[in-house]
Amino acid sequence: MVEKEVEKLLSGGANVASVTAPDEVCLHCVERLYSAETVSRFQQIRAKLSRLS
């Protein structure tokens, strides 16, 4: 596992946002593991995007 900054596309309603976030990436299978804080941030962004619709 290595820590990287990755780009994540988040959608809410008809809106989409591109977010850069830290995560750990497995060098063998490329699986991404986000921290609890990052997941919470994603949920907040999705909620805001949904309200824009």
Protein backbone atom coordinates (compact mmCIF):
# COMPACT_ATOMS: atom_id res chain seq x y z
CA MET A 1 0.00 0.00 0.00
CA VAL A 2 1.19 3.47 -0.87
CA GLU A 3 -0.38 6.80 -0.01
CA LYS A 4 -1.31 8.91 -3.03
CA GLU A 5 -3.42 11.87 -4.04
CA VAL A 6 -6.11 10.60 -6.40
CA GLU A 7 -8.93 12.16 -8.38
CA LYS A 8 -12.45 10.96 -7.54
CA LEU A 9 -15.64 11.80 -9.43
CA LEU A 10 -18.62 12.35 -7.14
CA SER A 11 -22.19 12.65 -8.32
CA GLY A 12 -25.29 13.96 -6.64
CA GLY A 13 -28.52 14.43 -8.52
CA ALA A 14 -27.63 15.62 -12.02
CA ASN A 15 -24.36 17.21 -10.86
CA VAL A 16 -20.82 15.84 -10.88
CA ALA A 17 -17.70 17.13 -9.10
CA SER A 18 -14.06 16.15 -9.45
CA VAL A 19 -12.30 15.97 -6.08
CA THR A 20 -8.65 15.32 -5.25
CA ALA A 21 -8.26 13.28 -2.08
CA PRO A 22 -5.59 11.33 -0.22
CA ASP A 23 -5.94 7.57 -0.10
CA GLU A 24 -3.96 4.38 0.13
CA VAL A 25 -3.62 2.41 -3.09
CA CYS A 26 -2.63 -1.26 -3.32
CA LEU A 27 0.20 -1.67 -5.82
CA HIS A 28 -0.98 -5.18 -6.72
CA CYS A 29 -4.72 -4.80 -7.29
CA VAL A 30 -5.09 -0.95 -7.40
CA GLU A 31 -7.80 -1.06 -4.69
CA ARG A 32 -8.32 2.29 -2.97
CA LEU A 33 -8.77 2.64 0.79
CA TYR A 34 -10.11 5.99 2.00
CA SER A 35 -9.98 7.24 5.59
CA ALA A 36 -13.19 7.82 7.54
CA GLU A 37 -12.67 11.59 7.25
CA THR A 38 -12.35 11.38 3.47
CA VAL A 39 -15.50 9.25 3.17
CA SER A 40 -17.37 11.77 5.33
CA ARG A 41 -16.14 14.59 3.07
CA PHE A 42 -17.35 12.68 0.00
CA GLN A 43 -20.81 12.29 1.60
CA GLN A 44 -20.99 16.01 2.36
CA ILE A 45 -20.05 16.91 -1.22
CA ARG A 46 -22.63 14.47 -2.65
CA ALA A 47 -25.32 15.98 -0.41
CA LYS A 48 -24.44 19.50 -1.60
CA LEU A 49 -24.49 18.38 -5.23
CA SER A 50 -27.93 16.83 -4.73
CA ARG A 51 -29.28 20.08 -3.28
CA LEU A 52 -28.15 21.96 -6.41
CA SER A 53 -30.48 19.94 -8.63
